[in-house]
Amino acid sequence: MQAGPLSSDELRRMDAYWRAANYLSVGQIYLLDNPLLKRPLTLDDIKPRLLGHWGTTPGLNFIYVHLNRVIKERDLNMIYVCGPGHGGPALVANVYLEGTYSEYYPNIPQDAEGM
């Protein structure tokens, strides 16, 4: 178990994961297509009805990345329980990033097509 503040490398990696989870979350909330922005966005790329709420997403992603750190560091037997509602895209983004989503749904690959 680590005592003291997190290393700058650990903070950098956690921040990168958090930003990736936020990116995937916002894509789920707003986009139908073009998740990597390989071309300028058009109205055809935007969902007509939004599911999820951006206001809850970054906080849920923040909790997820920090809980994962503590679970791994201390070998804890715990899970993060969160309601599906507005925060659903956050949890889907995290399990997609860690690979669990594609394990359960093999038709959703961890690539641009899966996004």
PDB file of N, CA and C in Angstrom:
ATOM      1  N   MET A   1       0.837  -1.175   0.000  1.00  0.00           N
ATOM      2  CA  MET A   1       0.000   0.000   0.000  1.00  0.00           C
ATOM      3  C   MET A   1       0.886   1.244   0.000  1.00  0.00           C
ATOM      4  N   GLN A   2       0.509   2.211  -0.815  1.00  0.00           N
ATOM      5  CA  GLN A   2       1.282   3.441  -0.962  1.00  0.00           C
ATOM      6  C   GLN A   2       0.913   4.421   0.148  1.00  0.00           C
ATOM      7  N   ALA A   3       1.900   5.029   0.761  1.00  0.00           N
ATOM      8  CA  ALA A   3       1.659   6.084   1.743  1.00  0.00           C
ATOM      9  C   ALA A   3       2.101   7.399   1.131  1.00  0.00           C
ATOM     10  N   GLY A   4       1.361   8.446   1.376  1.00  0.00           N
ATOM     11  CA  GLY A   4       1.724   9.747   0.847  1.00  0.00           C
ATOM     12  C   GLY A   4       0.983  10.058  -0.436  1.00  0.00           C
ATOM     13  N   PRO A   5       1.342  11.172  -1.058  1.00  0.00           N
ATOM     14  CA  PRO A   5       0.640  11.584  -2.282  1.00  0.00           C
ATOM     15  C   PRO A   5       0.950  10.661  -3.458  1.00  0.00           C
ATOM     16  N   LEU A   6       0.093  10.727  -4.449  1.00  0.00           N
ATOM     17  CA  LEU A   6       0.283   9.935  -5.666  1.00  0.00           C
ATOM     18  C   LEU A   6       1.451  10.497  -6.465  1.00  0.00           C
ATOM     19  N   SER A   7       2.126   9.626  -7.192  1.00  0.00           N
ATOM     20  CA  SER A   7       3.234  10.083  -8.034  1.00  0.00           C
ATOM     21  C   SER A   7       2.682  10.867  -9.217  1.00  0.00           C
ATOM     22  N   SER A   8       3.528  11.694  -9.803  1.00  0.00           N
ATOM     23  CA  SER A   8       3.079  12.476 -10.959  1.00  0.00           C
ATOM     24  C   SER A   8       2.727  11.565 -12.127  1.00  0.00           C
ATOM     25  N   ASP A   9       3.428  10.433 -12.271  1.00  0.00           N
ATOM     26  CA  ASP A   9       3.101   9.490 -13.342  1.00  0.00           C
ATOM     27  C   ASP A   9       1.730   8.862 -13.113  1.00  0.00           C
ATOM     28  N   GLU A  10       1.458   8.478 -11.879  1.00  0.00           N
ATOM     29  CA  GLU A  10       0.151   7.885 -11.577  1.00  0.00           C
ATOM     30  C   GLU A  10      -0.966   8.904 -11.808  1.00  0.00           C
ATOM     31  N   LEU A  11      -0.756  10.133 -11.385  1.00  0.00           N
ATOM     32  CA  LEU A  11      -1.754  11.180 -11.623  1.00  0.00           C
ATOM     33  C   LEU A  11      -1.963  11.412 -13.117  1.00  0.00           C
ATOM     34  N   ARG A  12      -0.869  11.413 -13.879  1.00  0.00           N
ATOM     35  CA  ARG A  12      -0.968  11.623 -15.331  1.00  0.00           C
ATOM     36  C   ARG A  12      -1.786  10.513 -15.977  1.00  0.00           C
ATOM     37  N   ARG A  13      -1.521   9.251 -15.594  1.00  0.00           N
ATOM     38  CA  ARG A  13      -2.253   8.120 -16.170  1.00  0.00           C
ATOM     39  C   ARG A  13      -3.722   8.132 -15.757  1.00  0.00           C
ATOM     40  N   MET A  14      -3.997   8.473 -14.514  1.00  0.00           N
ATOM     41  CA  MET A  14      -5.384   8.534 -14.052  1.00  0.00           C
ATOM     42  C   MET A  14      -6.139   9.657 -14.754  1.00  0.00           C
ATOM     43  N   ASP A  15      -5.474  10.791 -14.951  1.00  0.00           N
ATOM     44  CA  ASP A  15      -6.104  11.906 -15.652  1.00  0.00           C
ATOM     45  C   ASP A  15      -6.394  11.536 -17.105  1.00  0.00           C
ATOM     46  N   ALA A  16      -5.465  10.840 -17.757  1.00  0.00           N
ATOM     47  CA  ALA A  16      -5.682  10.412 -19.145  1.00  0.00           C
ATOM     48  C   ALA A  16      -6.865   9.449 -19.232  1.00  0.00           C
ATOM     49  N   TYR A  17      -6.956   8.523 -18.289  1.00  0.00           N
ATOM     50  CA  TYR A  17      -8.085   7.579 -18.260  1.00  0.00           C
ATOM     51  C   TYR A  17      -9.392   8.341 -18.039  1.00  0.00           C
ATOM     52  N   TRP A  18      -9.391   9.277 -17.083  1.00  0.00           N
ATOM     53  CA  TRP A  18     -10.583  10.072 -16.781  1.00  0.00           C
ATOM     54  C   TRP A  18     -11.038  10.864 -18.015  1.00  0.00           C
ATOM     55  N   ARG A  19     -10.085  11.484 -18.714  1.00  0.00           N
ATOM     56  CA  ARG A  19     -10.431  12.245 -19.916  1.00  0.00           C
ATOM     57  C   ARG A  19     -10.966  11.337 -21.017  1.00  0.00           C
ATOM     58  N   ALA A  20     -10.380  10.145 -21.169  1.00  0.00           N
ATOM     59  CA  ALA A  20     -10.879   9.189 -22.169  1.00  0.00           C
ATOM     60  C   ALA A  20     -12.297   8.749 -21.824  1.00  0.00           C
ATOM     61  N   ALA A  21     -12.556   8.488 -20.548  1.00  0.00           N
ATOM     62  CA  ALA A  21     -13.908   8.100 -20.121  1.00  0.00           C
ATOM     63  C   ALA A  21     -14.894   9.236 -20.371  1.00  0.00           C
ATOM     64  N   ASN A  22     -14.483  10.470 -20.126  1.00  0.00           N
ATOM     65  CA  ASN A  22     -15.360  11.614 -20.397  1.00  0.00           C
ATOM     66  C   ASN A  22     -15.645  11.736 -21.892  1.00  0.00           C
ATOM     67  N   TYR A  23     -14.621  11.534 -22.717  1.00  0.00           N
ATOM     68  CA  TYR A  23     -14.789  11.610 -24.174  1.00  0.00           C
ATOM     69  C   TYR A  23     -15.782  10.550 -24.656  1.00  0.00           C
ATOM     70  N   LEU A  24     -15.603   9.317 -24.186  1.00  0.00           N
ATOM     71  CA  LEU A  24     -16.524   8.244 -24.577  1.00  0.00           C
ATOM     72  C   LEU A  24     -17.938   8.521 -24.070  1.00  0.00           C
ATOM     73  N   SER A  25     -18.042   9.075 -22.887  1.00  0.00           N
ATOM     74  CA  SER A  25     -19.356   9.377 -22.311  1.00  0.00           C
ATOM     75  C   SER A  25     -20.091  10.430 -23.128  1.00  0.00           C
ATOM     76  N   VAL A  26     -19.403  11.505 -23.454  1.00  0.00           N
ATOM     77  CA  VAL A  26     -20.062  12.575 -24.204  1.00  0.00           C
ATOM     78  C   VAL A  26     -20.440  12.086 -25.601  1.00  0.00           C
ATOM     79  N   GLY A  27     -19.628  11.201 -26.168  1.00  0.00           N
ATOM     80  CA  GLY A  27     -19.975  10.612 -27.460  1.00  0.00           C
ATOM     81  C   GLY A  27     -21.246   9.790 -27.381  1.00  0.00           C
ATOM     82  N   GLN A  28     -21.408   9.026 -26.291  1.00  0.00           N
ATOM     83  CA  GLN A  28     -22.630   8.227 -26.116  1.00  0.00           C
ATOM     84  C   GLN A  28     -23.852   9.118 -25.953  1.00  0.00           C
ATOM     85  N   ILE A  29     -23.683  10.217 -25.241  1.00  0.00           N
ATOM     86  CA  ILE A  29     -24.822  11.097 -24.973  1.00  0.00           C
ATOM     87  C   ILE A  29     -25.276  11.805 -26.244  1.00  0.00           C
ATOM     88  N   TYR A  30     -24.340  12.327 -27.018  1.00  0.00           N
ATOM     89  CA  TYR A  30     -24.690  13.234 -28.113  1.00  0.00           C
ATOM     90  C   TYR A  30     -24.568  12.678 -29.529  1.00  0.00           C
ATOM     91  N   LEU A  31     -23.707  11.680 -29.754  1.00  0.00           N
ATOM     92  CA  LEU A  31     -23.380  11.322 -31.138  1.00  0.00           C
ATOM     93  C   LEU A  31     -24.013  10.022 -31.624  1.00  0.00           C
ATOM     94  N   LEU A  32     -24.418  10.050 -32.882  1.00  0.00           N
ATOM     95  CA  LEU A  32     -24.841   8.848 -33.600  1.00  0.00           C
ATOM     96  C   LEU A  32     -23.688   8.272 -34.415  1.00  0.00           C
ATOM     97  N   ASP A  33     -22.785   9.146 -34.851  1.00  0.00           N
ATOM     98  CA  ASP A  33     -21.706   8.752 -35.754  1.00  0.00           C
ATOM     99  C   ASP A  33     -20.530   9.710 -35.573  1.00  0.00           C
ATOM    100  N   ASN A  34     -19.395   9.356 -36.189  1.00  0.00           N
ATOM    101  CA  ASN A  34     -18.215  10.203 -36.233  1.00  0.00           C
ATOM    102  C   ASN A  34     -17.594  10.423 -34.842  1.00  0.00           C
ATOM    103  N   PRO A  35     -17.410   9.355 -34.035  1.00  0.00           N
ATOM    104  CA  PRO A  35     -16.914   9.545 -32.671  1.00  0.00           C
ATOM    105  C   PRO A  35     -15.474  10.056 -32.577  1.00  0.00           C
ATOM    106  N   LEU A  36     -14.675   9.818 -33.594  1.00  0.00           N
ATOM    107  CA  LEU A  36     -13.287  10.291 -33.569  1.00  0.00           C
ATOM    108  C   LEU A  36     -13.114  11.622 -34.301  1.00  0.00           C
ATOM    109  N   LEU A  37     -14.229  12.214 -34.715  1.00  0.00           N
ATOM    110  CA  LEU A  37     -14.234  13.512 -35.397  1.00  0.00           C
ATOM    111  C   LEU A  37     -13.273  13.534 -36.579  1.00  0.00           C
ATOM    112  N   LYS A  38     -13.353  12.492 -37.389  1.00  0.00           N
ATOM    113  CA  LYS A  38     -12.504  12.401 -38.578  1.00  0.00           C
ATOM    114  C   LYS A  38     -12.948  13.375 -39.659  1.00  0.00           C
ATOM    115  N   ARG A  39     -14.110  13.937 -39.485  1.00  0.00           N
ATOM    116  CA  ARG A  39     -14.628  14.975 -40.385  1.00  0.00           C
ATOM    117  C   ARG A  39     -15.414  15.954 -39.522  1.00  0.00           C
ATOM    118  N   PRO A  40     -15.711  17.126 -40.040  1.00  0.00           N
ATOM    119  CA  PRO A  40     -16.498  18.079 -39.244  1.00  0.00           C
ATOM    120  C   PRO A  40     -17.870  17.492 -38.877  1.00  0.00           C
ATOM    121  N   LEU A  41     -18.324  17.791 -37.680  1.00  0.00           N
ATOM    122  CA  LEU A  41     -19.640  17.317 -37.249  1.00  0.00           C
ATOM    123  C   LEU A  41     -20.741  17.943 -38.083  1.00  0.00           C
ATOM    124  N   THR A  42     -21.771  17.163 -38.337  1.00  0.00           N
ATOM    125  CA  THR A  42     -22.968  17.669 -39.001  1.00  0.00           C
ATOM    126  C   THR A  42     -24.165  17.308 -38.132  1.00  0.00           C
ATOM    127  N   LEU A  43     -25.309  17.858 -38.452  1.00  0.00           N
ATOM    128  CA  LEU A  43     -26.526  17.523 -37.707  1.00  0.00           C
ATOM    129  C   LEU A  43     -26.843  16.038 -37.794  1.00  0.00           C
ATOM    130  N   ASP A  44     -26.449  15.402 -38.889  1.00  0.00           N
ATOM    131  CA  ASP A  44     -26.693  13.963 -39.034  1.00  0.00           C
ATOM    132  C   ASP A  44     -25.899  13.136 -38.017  1.00  0.00           C
ATOM    133  N   ASP A  45     -24.835  13.702 -37.454  1.00  0.00           N
ATOM    134  CA  ASP A  45     -24.030  13.004 -36.450  1.00  0.00           C
ATOM    135  C   ASP A  45     -24.645  13.079 -35.049  1.00  0.00           C
ATOM    136  N   ILE A  46     -25.554  13.996 -34.836  1.00  0.00           N
ATOM    137  CA  ILE A  46     -26.104  14.272 -33.505  1.00  0.00           C
ATOM    138  C   ILE A  46     -27.398  13.503 -33.285  1.00  0.00           C
ATOM    139  N   LYS A  47     -27.537  12.941 -32.087  1.00  0.00           N
ATOM    140  CA  LYS A  47     -28.753  12.201 -31.739  1.00  0.00           C
ATOM    141  C   LYS A  47     -29.943  13.155 -31.642  1.00  0.00           C
ATOM    142  N   PRO A  48     -31.103  12.721 -32.114  1.00  0.00           N
ATOM    143  CA  PRO A  48     -32.290  13.572 -31.996  1.00  0.00           C
ATOM    144  C   PRO A  48     -32.830  13.603 -30.562  1.00  0.00           C
ATOM    145  N   ARG A  49     -32.555  12.552 -29.784  1.00  0.00           N
ATOM    146  CA  ARG A  49     -33.009  12.474 -28.389  1.00  0.00           C
ATOM    147  C   ARG A  49     -31.821  12.042 -27.537  1.00  0.00           C
ATOM    148  N   LEU A  50     -31.484  12.865 -26.572  1.00  0.00           N
ATOM    149  CA  LEU A  50     -30.313  12.590 -25.746  1.00  0.00           C
ATOM    150  C   LEU A  50     -30.680  11.688 -24.577  1.00  0.00           C
ATOM    151  N   LEU A  51     -29.829  10.698 -24.330  1.00  0.00           N
ATOM    152  CA  LEU A  51     -29.986   9.816 -23.177  1.00  0.00           C
ATOM    153  C   LEU A  51     -28.725   9.926 -22.339  1.00  0.00           C
ATOM    154  N   GLY A  52     -28.891  10.282 -21.102  1.00  0.00           N
ATOM    155  CA  GLY A  52     -27.764  10.544 -20.225  1.00  0.00           C
ATOM    156  C   GLY A  52     -27.670  12.037 -19.980  1.00  0.00           C
ATOM    157  N   HIS A  53     -26.848  12.411 -19.025  1.00  0.00           N
ATOM    158  CA  HIS A  53     -26.729  13.820 -18.660  1.00  0.00           C
ATOM    159  C   HIS A  53     -25.266  14.142 -18.400  1.00  0.00           C
ATOM    160  N   TRP A  54     -24.735  15.100 -19.159  1.00  0.00           N
ATOM    161  CA  TRP A  54     -23.334  15.449 -19.024  1.00  0.00           C
ATOM    162  C   TRP A  54     -23.008  15.933 -17.612  1.00  0.00           C
ATOM    163  N   GLY A  55     -23.942  16.565 -16.933  1.00  0.00           N
ATOM    164  CA  GLY A  55     -23.682  17.099 -15.597  1.00  0.00           C
ATOM    165  C   GLY A  55     -23.296  16.050 -14.573  1.00  0.00           C
ATOM    166  N   THR A  56     -23.725  14.813 -14.744  1.00  0.00           N
ATOM    167  CA  THR A  56     -23.381  13.758 -13.788  1.00  0.00           C
ATOM    168  C   THR A  56     -22.146  12.964 -14.211  1.00  0.00           C
ATOM    169  N   THR A  57     -21.810  13.024 -15.467  1.00  0.00           N
ATOM    170  CA  THR A  57     -20.808  12.122 -16.033  1.00  0.00           C
ATOM    171  C   THR A  57     -19.382  12.318 -15.517  1.00  0.00           C
ATOM    172  N   PRO A  58     -18.810  13.518 -15.550  1.00  0.00           N
ATOM    173  CA  PRO A  58     -17.419  13.649 -15.098  1.00  0.00           C
ATOM    174  C   PRO A  58     -17.214  13.225 -13.644  1.00  0.00           C
ATOM    175  N   GLY A  59     -18.179  13.522 -12.787  1.00  0.00           N
ATOM    176  CA  GLY A  59     -18.057  13.122 -11.386  1.00  0.00           C
ATOM    177  C   GLY A  59     -18.069  11.619 -11.212  1.00  0.00           C
ATOM    178  N   LEU A  60     -18.963  10.939 -11.924  1.00  0.00           N
ATOM    179  CA  LEU A  60     -19.008   9.477 -11.852  1.00  0.00           C
ATOM    180  C   LEU A  60     -17.722   8.865 -12.402  1.00  0.00           C
ATOM    181  N   ASN A  61     -17.208   9.436 -13.486  1.00  0.00           N
ATOM    182  CA  ASN A  61     -15.942   8.943 -14.051  1.00  0.00           C
ATOM    183  C   ASN A  61     -14.782   9.174 -13.080  1.00  0.00           C
ATOM    184  N   PHE A  62     -14.795  10.298 -12.393  1.00  0.00           N
ATOM    185  CA  PHE A  62     -13.763  10.620 -11.405  1.00  0.00           C
ATOM    186  C   PHE A  62     -13.774   9.596 -10.266  1.00  0.00           C
ATOM    187  N   ILE A  63     -14.963   9.300  -9.760  1.00  0.00           N
ATOM    188  CA  ILE A  63     -15.093   8.305  -8.694  1.00  0.00           C
ATOM    189  C   ILE A  63     -14.603   6.946  -9.188  1.00  0.00           C
ATOM    190  N   TYR A  64     -14.988   6.570 -10.409  1.00  0.00           N
ATOM    191  CA  TYR A  64     -14.608   5.262 -10.958  1.00  0.00           C
ATOM    192  C   TYR A  64     -13.091   5.102 -11.028  1.00  0.00           C
ATOM    193  N   VAL A  65     -12.406   6.087 -11.571  1.00  0.00           N
ATOM    194  CA  VAL A  65     -10.949   5.959 -11.736  1.00  0.00           C
ATOM    195  C   VAL A  65     -10.255   5.892 -10.375  1.00  0.00           C
ATOM    196  N   HIS A  66     -10.726   6.664  -9.415  1.00  0.00           N
ATOM    197  CA  HIS A  66     -10.091   6.637  -8.097  1.00  0.00           C
ATOM    198  C   HIS A  66     -10.429   5.366  -7.324  1.00  0.00           C
ATOM    199  N   LEU A  67     -11.658   4.882  -7.441  1.00  0.00           N
ATOM    200  CA  LEU A  67     -11.993   3.615  -6.793  1.00  0.00           C
ATOM    201  C   LEU A  67     -11.183   2.469  -7.388  1.00  0.00           C
ATOM    202  N   ASN A  68     -11.013   2.462  -8.702  1.00  0.00           N
ATOM    203  CA  ASN A  68     -10.192   1.413  -9.323  1.00  0.00           C
ATOM    204  C   ASN A  68      -8.770   1.432  -8.777  1.00  0.00           C
ATOM    205  N   ARG A  69      -8.229   2.624  -8.595  1.00  0.00           N
ATOM    206  CA  ARG A  69      -6.879   2.740  -8.035  1.00  0.00           C
ATOM    207  C   ARG A  69      -6.828   2.131  -6.637  1.00  0.00           C
ATOM    208  N   VAL A  70      -7.787   2.468  -5.799  1.00  0.00           N
ATOM    209  CA  VAL A  70      -7.798   1.972  -4.419  1.00  0.00           C
ATOM    210  C   VAL A  70      -8.052   0.464  -4.381  1.00  0.00           C
ATOM    211  N   ILE A  71      -8.959  -0.015  -5.222  1.00  0.00           N
ATOM    212  CA  ILE A  71      -9.257  -1.454  -5.272  1.00  0.00           C
ATOM    213  C   ILE A  71      -8.000  -2.237  -5.637  1.00  0.00           C
ATOM    214  N   LYS A  72      -7.287  -1.781  -6.655  1.00  0.00           N
ATOM    215  CA  LYS A  72      -6.066  -2.478  -7.078  1.00  0.00           C
ATOM    216  C   LYS A  72      -4.956  -2.349  -6.039  1.00  0.00           C
ATOM    217  N   GLU A  73      -4.771  -1.147  -5.526  1.00  0.00           N
ATOM    218  CA  GLU A  73      -3.692  -0.893  -4.574  1.00  0.00           C
ATOM    219  C   GLU A  73      -3.852  -1.701  -3.291  1.00  0.00           C
ATOM    220  N   ARG A  74      -5.084  -1.828  -2.827  1.00  0.00           N
ATOM    221  CA  ARG A  74      -5.329  -2.489  -1.531  1.00  0.00           C
ATOM    222  C   ARG A  74      -5.955  -3.869  -1.675  1.00  0.00           C
ATOM    223  N   ASP A  75      -6.061  -4.341  -2.921  1.00  0.00           N
ATOM    224  CA  ASP A  75      -6.646  -5.651  -3.205  1.00  0.00           C
ATOM    225  C   ASP A  75      -8.009  -5.804  -2.519  1.00  0.00           C
ATOM    226  N   LEU A  76      -8.854  -4.787  -2.698  1.00  0.00           N
ATOM    227  CA  LEU A  76     -10.168  -4.773  -2.061  1.00  0.00           C
ATOM    228  C   LEU A  76     -11.167  -5.612  -2.837  1.00  0.00           C
ATOM    229  N   ASN A  77     -12.080  -6.195  -2.129  1.00  0.00           N
ATOM    230  CA  ASN A  77     -13.180  -6.949  -2.718  1.00  0.00           C
ATOM    231  C   ASN A  77     -14.416  -6.062  -2.629  1.00  0.00           C
ATOM    232  N   MET A  78     -14.565  -5.183  -3.590  1.00  0.00           N
ATOM    233  CA  MET A  78     -15.682  -4.245  -3.585  1.00  0.00           C
ATOM    234  C   MET A  78     -16.082  -3.906  -5.011  1.00  0.00           C
ATOM    235  N   ILE A  79     -17.254  -3.336  -5.148  1.00  0.00           N
ATOM    236  CA  ILE A  79     -17.732  -2.874  -6.446  1.00  0.00           C
ATOM    237  C   ILE A  79     -18.294  -1.468  -6.290  1.00  0.00           C
ATOM    238  N   TYR A  80     -18.396  -0.780  -7.387  1.00  0.00           N
ATOM    239  CA  TYR A  80     -18.955   0.567  -7.460  1.00  0.00           C
ATOM    240  C   TYR A  80     -20.392   0.408  -7.928  1.00  0.00           C
ATOM    241  N   VAL A  81     -21.340   0.708  -7.065  1.00  0.00           N
ATOM    242  CA  VAL A  81     -22.753   0.585  -7.409  1.00  0.00           C
ATOM    243  C   VAL A  81     -23.289   1.978  -7.688  1.00  0.00           C
ATOM    244  N   CYS A  82     -23.893   2.128  -8.857  1.00  0.00           N
ATOM    245  CA  CYS A  82     -24.415   3.423  -9.274  1.00  0.00           C
ATOM    246  C   CYS A  82     -25.684   3.180 -10.072  1.00  0.00           C
ATOM    247  N   GLY A  83     -26.684   4.007  -9.873  1.00  0.00           N
ATOM    248  CA  GLY A  83     -27.930   3.842 -10.617  1.00  0.00           C
ATOM    249  C   GLY A  83     -27.741   4.082 -12.102  1.00  0.00           C
ATOM    250  N   PRO A  84     -28.590   3.515 -12.959  1.00  0.00           N
ATOM    251  CA  PRO A  84     -28.419   3.600 -14.401  1.00  0.00           C
ATOM    252  C   PRO A  84     -28.775   4.959 -14.989  1.00  0.00           C
ATOM    253  N   GLY A  85     -29.805   5.596 -14.553  1.00  0.00           N
ATOM    254  CA  GLY A  85     -30.325   6.863 -15.056  1.00  0.00           C
ATOM    255  C   GLY A  85     -29.398   7.741 -15.854  1.00  0.00           C
ATOM    256  N   HIS A  86     -29.265   8.988 -15.423  1.00  0.00           N
ATOM    257  CA  HIS A  86     -28.493   9.992 -16.154  1.00  0.00           C
ATOM    258  C   HIS A  86     -27.017   9.641 -16.271  1.00  0.00           C
ATOM    259  N   GLY A  87     -26.508   8.834 -15.363  1.00  0.00           N
ATOM    260  CA  GLY A  87     -25.085   8.509 -15.361  1.00  0.00           C
ATOM    261  C   GLY A  87     -24.717   7.257 -16.122  1.00  0.00           C
ATOM    262  N   GLY A  88     -25.676   6.624 -16.768  1.00  0.00           N
ATOM    263  CA  GLY A  88     -25.405   5.393 -17.506  1.00  0.00           C
ATOM    264  C   GLY A  88     -24.225   5.481 -18.455  1.00  0.00           C
ATOM    265  N   PRO A  89     -24.109   6.555 -19.261  1.00  0.00           N
ATOM    266  CA  PRO A  89     -22.974   6.639 -20.180  1.00  0.00           C
ATOM    267  C   PRO A  89     -21.614   6.606 -19.481  1.00  0.00           C
ATOM    268  N   ALA A  90     -21.534   7.124 -18.266  1.00  0.00           N
ATOM    269  CA  ALA A  90     -20.258   7.115 -17.544  1.00  0.00           C
ATOM    270  C   ALA A  90     -19.824   5.687 -17.244  1.00  0.00           C
ATOM    271  N   LEU A  91     -20.727   4.888 -16.725  1.00  0.00           N
ATOM    272  CA  LEU A  91     -20.349   3.519 -16.375  1.00  0.00           C
ATOM    273  C   LEU A  91     -20.062   2.688 -17.615  1.00  0.00           C
ATOM    274  N   VAL A  92     -20.842   2.892 -18.663  1.00  0.00           N
ATOM    275  CA  VAL A  92     -20.576   2.164 -19.913  1.00  0.00           C
ATOM    276  C   VAL A  92     -19.196   2.551 -20.452  1.00  0.00           C
ATOM    277  N   ALA A  93     -18.854   3.833 -20.397  1.00  0.00           N
ATOM    278  CA  ALA A  93     -17.545   4.279 -20.888  1.00  0.00           C
ATOM    279  C   ALA A  93     -16.408   3.598 -20.135  1.00  0.00           C
ATOM    280  N   ASN A  94     -16.536   3.500 -18.827  1.00  0.00           N
ATOM    281  CA  ASN A  94     -15.475   2.892 -18.021  1.00  0.00           C
ATOM    282  C   ASN A  94     -15.337   1.402 -18.271  1.00  0.00           C
ATOM    283  N   VAL A  95     -16.440   0.680 -18.335  1.00  0.00           N
ATOM    284  CA  VAL A  95     -16.312  -0.762 -18.578  1.00  0.00           C
ATOM    285  C   VAL A  95     -15.888  -1.032 -20.023  1.00  0.00           C
ATOM    286  N   TYR A  96     -16.192  -0.109 -20.934  1.00  0.00           N
ATOM    287  CA  TYR A  96     -15.687  -0.217 -22.306  1.00  0.00           C
ATOM    288  C   TYR A  96     -14.162  -0.027 -22.307  1.00  0.00           C
ATOM    289  N   LEU A  97     -13.689   1.009 -21.613  1.00  0.00           N
ATOM    290  CA  LEU A  97     -12.247   1.285 -21.567  1.00  0.00           C
ATOM    291  C   LEU A  97     -11.458   0.138 -20.953  1.00  0.00           C
ATOM    292  N   GLU A  98     -11.976  -0.465 -19.905  1.00  0.00           N
ATOM    293  CA  GLU A  98     -11.236  -1.541 -19.246  1.00  0.00           C
ATOM    294  C   GLU A  98     -11.404  -2.884 -19.948  1.00  0.00           C
ATOM    295  N   GLY A  99     -12.283  -2.963 -20.947  1.00  0.00           N
ATOM    296  CA  GLY A  99     -12.429  -4.173 -21.750  1.00  0.00           C
ATOM    297  C   GLY A  99     -13.562  -5.090 -21.358  1.00  0.00           C
ATOM    298  N   THR A 100     -14.188  -4.848 -20.210  1.00  0.00           N
ATOM    299  CA  THR A 100     -15.260  -5.721 -19.735  1.00  0.00           C
ATOM    300  C   THR A 100     -16.465  -5.693 -20.663  1.00  0.00           C
ATOM    301  N   TYR A 101     -16.805  -4.529 -21.194  1.00  0.00           N
ATOM    302  CA  TYR A 101     -17.977  -4.401 -22.059  1.00  0.00           C
ATOM    303  C   TYR A 101     -17.850  -5.307 -23.281  1.00  0.00           C
ATOM    304  N   SER A 102     -16.688  -5.285 -23.915  1.00  0.00           N
ATOM    305  CA  SER A 102     -16.471  -6.106 -25.112  1.00  0.00           C
ATOM    306  C   SER A 102     -16.386  -7.592 -24.785  1.00  0.00           C
ATOM    307  N   GLU A 103     -16.038  -7.937 -23.541  1.00  0.00           N
ATOM    308  CA  GLU A 103     -16.069  -9.345 -23.132  1.00  0.00           C
ATOM    309  C   GLU A 103     -17.505  -9.854 -23.108  1.00  0.00           C
ATOM    310  N   TYR A 104     -18.404  -9.056 -22.572  1.00  0.00           N
ATOM    311  CA  TYR A 104     -19.808  -9.459 -22.482  1.00  0.00           C
ATOM    312  C   TYR A 104     -20.556  -9.255 -23.792  1.00  0.00           C
ATOM    313  N   TYR A 105     -20.135  -8.273 -24.562  1.00  0.00           N
ATOM    314  CA  TYR A 105     -20.753  -7.981 -25.860  1.00  0.00           C
ATOM    315  C   TYR A 105     -19.661  -8.025 -26.929  1.00  0.00           C
ATOM    316  N   PRO A 106     -19.262  -9.226 -27.369  1.00  0.00           N
ATOM    317  CA  PRO A 106     -18.148  -9.346 -28.311  1.00  0.00           C
ATOM    318  C   PRO A 106     -18.406  -8.674 -29.663  1.00  0.00           C
ATOM    319  N   ASN A 107     -19.661  -8.373 -29.956  1.00  0.00           N
ATOM    320  CA  ASN A 107     -19.970  -7.671 -31.207  1.00  0.00           C
ATOM    321  C   ASN A 107     -19.650  -6.176 -31.107  1.00  0.00           C
ATOM    322  N   ILE A 108     -19.240  -5.711 -29.935  1.00  0.00           N
ATOM    323  CA  ILE A 108     -18.832  -4.316 -29.748  1.00  0.00           C
ATOM    324  C   ILE A 108     -17.319  -4.303 -29.512  1.00  0.00           C
ATOM    325  N   PRO A 109     -16.521  -4.126 -30.567  1.00  0.00           N
ATOM    326  CA  PRO A 109     -15.060  -4.161 -30.414  1.00  0.00           C
ATOM    327  C   PRO A 109     -14.517  -2.871 -29.791  1.00  0.00           C
ATOM    328  N   GLN A 110     -13.319  -2.951 -29.266  1.00  0.00           N
ATOM    329  CA  GLN A 110     -12.657  -1.779 -28.700  1.00  0.00           C
ATOM    330  C   GLN A 110     -11.879  -1.051 -29.799  1.00  0.00           C
ATOM    331  N   ASP A 111     -12.627  -0.455 -30.707  1.00  0.00           N
ATOM    332  CA  ASP A 111     -12.037   0.313 -31.794  1.00  0.00           C
ATOM    333  C   ASP A 111     -13.049   1.371 -32.228  1.00  0.00           C
ATOM    334  N   ALA A 112     -12.758   2.063 -33.320  1.00  0.00           N
ATOM    335  CA  ALA A 112     -13.649   3.128 -33.791  1.00  0.00           C
ATOM    336  C   ALA A 112     -15.046   2.596 -34.091  1.00  0.00           C
ATOM    337  N   GLU A 113     -15.133   1.393 -34.622  1.00  0.00           N
ATOM    338  CA  GLU A 113     -16.441   0.801 -34.919  1.00  0.00           C
ATOM    339  C   GLU A 113     -17.236   0.565 -33.638  1.00  0.00           C
ATOM    340  N   GLY A 114     -16.558   0.105 -32.605  1.00  0.00           N
ATOM    341  CA  GLY A 114     -17.222  -0.133 -31.328  1.00  0.00           C
ATOM    342  C   GLY A 114     -17.662   1.141 -30.635  1.00  0.00           C
ATOM    343  N   MET A 115     -16.940   2.217 -30.927  1.00  0.00           N
ATOM    344  CA  MET A 115     -17.322   3.502 -30.343  1.00  0.00           C
ATOM    345  C   MET A 115     -18.626   3.968 -30.962  1.00  0.00           C
TER     346      MET A 115
END
